[in-house]
Amino acid sequence: MDISEFDKNRYLSLATFRKSGVAVETPVWFAALGAKLYVFTAGNSGKVKRLRNSTKARISPCDMRGRITGAGRDTEARLIDDEALVARAWGALRQKYGWQMSLTDLGARLSGRLQKRAYIEVDF
């Protein structure tokens, strides 16, 4: 499956790994940009903490509850903080999810969480 086909999925199961090697899977929104996938999350989430320890990750298409719906692949993921790249990733997410992303952004802005978001770049 190529990245454009993978991007047709609405959810991605992003597995990050604890120091013990145990995978923790989380369903997330994602968008493809070039040969990478981009995800946003709360800056204090477990996946952010785990990615600071290891870039090892696994991705699989899934439904909104995290049930895997297709073949997965091992990959690497990293936190990004380059403002231009974050803006492009946010734009790709906004284009893909439209009004849902706008509503999510509004809720995050009102609660003060928008500035605390972390963005993750995933190799495809």
Protein backbone atom coordinates (compact mmCIF):
# COMPACT_ATOMS: atom_id res chain seq x y z
CA MET A 1 0.00 0.00 0.00
CA ASP A 2 1.39 3.42 -0.91
CA ILE A 3 1.07 6.55 1.21
CA SER A 4 -1.85 8.04 -0.77
CA GLU A 5 -3.88 4.88 -0.25
CA PHE A 6 -2.94 4.74 3.41
CA ASP A 7 -4.03 8.39 3.79
CA LYS A 8 -7.57 7.45 2.73
CA ASN A 9 -8.04 5.95 6.19
CA ARG A 10 -9.56 8.26 8.82
CA TYR A 11 -7.62 6.82 11.75
CA LEU A 12 -4.16 5.48 12.35
CA SER A 13 -3.12 3.24 15.21
CA LEU A 14 0.17 4.69 16.41
CA ALA A 15 2.06 2.28 18.62
CA THR A 16 4.86 3.76 20.69
CA PHE A 17 7.04 1.73 23.00
CA ARG A 18 7.69 1.87 26.72
CA LYS A 19 11.21 1.42 28.04
CA SER A 20 10.23 -2.19 28.82
CA GLY A 21 9.50 -2.76 25.12
CA VAL A 22 5.73 -3.00 25.58
CA ALA A 23 3.77 -1.32 22.77
CA VAL A 24 1.04 1.19 23.60
CA GLU A 25 -1.38 1.67 20.69
CA THR A 26 -3.42 4.84 20.29
CA PRO A 27 -5.91 5.71 17.52
CA VAL A 28 -5.12 9.16 16.12
CA TRP A 29 -6.02 11.46 13.26
CA PHE A 30 -3.24 11.79 10.71
CA ALA A 31 -2.47 13.36 7.37
CA ALA A 32 0.11 12.59 4.71
CA LEU A 33 2.45 15.30 3.52
CA GLY A 34 5.02 14.15 1.01
CA ALA A 35 6.47 10.84 2.20
CA LYS A 36 5.62 11.43 5.87
CA LEU A 37 2.56 11.19 8.07
CA TYR A 38 1.74 13.86 10.65
CA VAL A 39 -0.16 13.52 13.91
CA PHE A 40 -1.01 15.97 16.67
CA THR A 41 -1.51 15.20 20.34
CA ALA A 42 -1.43 16.78 23.77
CA GLY A 43 2.09 17.86 24.65
CA ASN A 44 1.99 15.95 27.94
CA SER A 45 0.57 12.71 26.53
CA GLY A 46 2.15 9.33 27.09
CA LYS A 47 3.09 8.93 23.44
CA VAL A 48 5.11 12.16 23.60
CA LYS A 49 6.98 10.89 26.65
CA ARG A 50 7.60 7.52 25.00
CA LEU A 51 8.86 9.14 21.76
CA ARG A 52 11.37 11.16 23.77
CA ASN A 53 12.87 7.83 24.86
CA SER A 54 12.69 5.98 21.54
CA THR A 55 11.71 6.77 17.95
CA LYS A 56 10.57 3.17 17.41
CA ALA A 57 6.91 3.04 16.32
CA ARG A 58 4.38 0.87 14.49
CA ILE A 59 1.49 2.14 12.39
CA SER A 60 -1.67 0.40 11.22
CA PRO A 61 -4.95 1.64 9.79
CA CYS A 62 -7.71 1.40 12.38
CA ASP A 63 -11.21 2.53 13.27
CA MET A 64 -12.01 5.27 15.78
CA ARG A 65 -11.88 2.78 18.65
CA GLY A 66 -8.41 1.58 17.70
CA ARG A 67 -9.44 -1.76 16.15
CA ILE A 68 -6.84 -2.58 13.50
CA THR A 69 -8.37 -2.74 10.00
CA GLY A 70 -5.32 -3.50 7.85
CA ALA A 71 -1.68 -4.44 7.69
CA GLY A 72 0.71 -2.57 9.93
CA ARG A 73 4.33 -1.63 9.51
CA ASP A 74 7.24 -0.88 11.79
CA THR A 75 8.58 2.63 11.41
CA GLU A 76 10.08 5.58 13.24
CA ALA A 77 8.38 8.66 14.62
CA ARG A 78 9.72 11.86 16.10
CA LEU A 79 8.49 15.04 17.70
CA ILE A 80 8.80 18.13 15.51
CA ASP A 81 9.13 21.72 16.60
CA ASP A 82 10.07 23.51 13.38
CA GLU A 83 7.33 26.16 13.09
CA ALA A 84 7.11 26.02 9.29
CA LEU A 85 6.80 22.22 9.30
CA VAL A 86 4.22 22.31 12.11
CA ALA A 87 2.19 24.85 10.08
CA ARG A 88 2.30 22.61 6.99
CA ALA A 89 1.34 19.54 9.05
CA TRP A 90 -1.55 21.44 10.66
CA GLY A 91 -2.67 22.59 7.20
CA ALA A 92 -2.68 19.00 5.91
CA LEU A 93 -4.69 17.86 8.95
CA ARG A 94 -7.13 20.75 8.51
CA GLN A 95 -7.56 19.94 4.82
CA LYS A 96 -8.22 16.27 5.56
CA TYR A 97 -10.57 16.68 8.54
CA GLY A 98 -12.22 20.02 7.64
CA TRP A 99 -14.89 21.19 10.07
CA GLN A 100 -13.96 18.48 12.58
CA MET A 101 -10.43 19.86 12.85
CA SER A 102 -11.83 23.39 13.16
CA LEU A 103 -14.07 22.28 16.02
CA THR A 104 -11.18 20.46 17.70
CA ASP A 105 -9.00 23.57 17.35
CA LEU A 106 -11.73 25.75 18.83
CA GLY A 107 -12.09 23.49 21.86
CA ALA A 108 -8.31 23.41 22.31
CA ARG A 109 -8.09 27.20 21.99
CA LEU A 110 -10.86 27.79 24.54
CA SER A 111 -9.32 25.36 27.03
CA GLY A 112 -5.76 26.67 26.60
CA ARG A 113 -4.47 23.40 25.12
CA LEU A 114 -3.81 24.66 21.60
CA GLN A 115 -0.37 26.07 22.48
CA LYS A 116 0.51 22.86 24.34
CA ARG A 117 0.04 20.56 21.35
CA ALA A 118 2.83 18.37 20.11
CA TYR A 119 3.22 17.34 16.48
CA ILE A 120 4.67 14.02 15.45
CA GLU A 121 6.29 13.13 12.13
CA VAL A 122 6.01 9.46 11.16
CA ASP A 123 8.11 7.83 8.45
CA PHE A 124 6.07 5.92 5.91
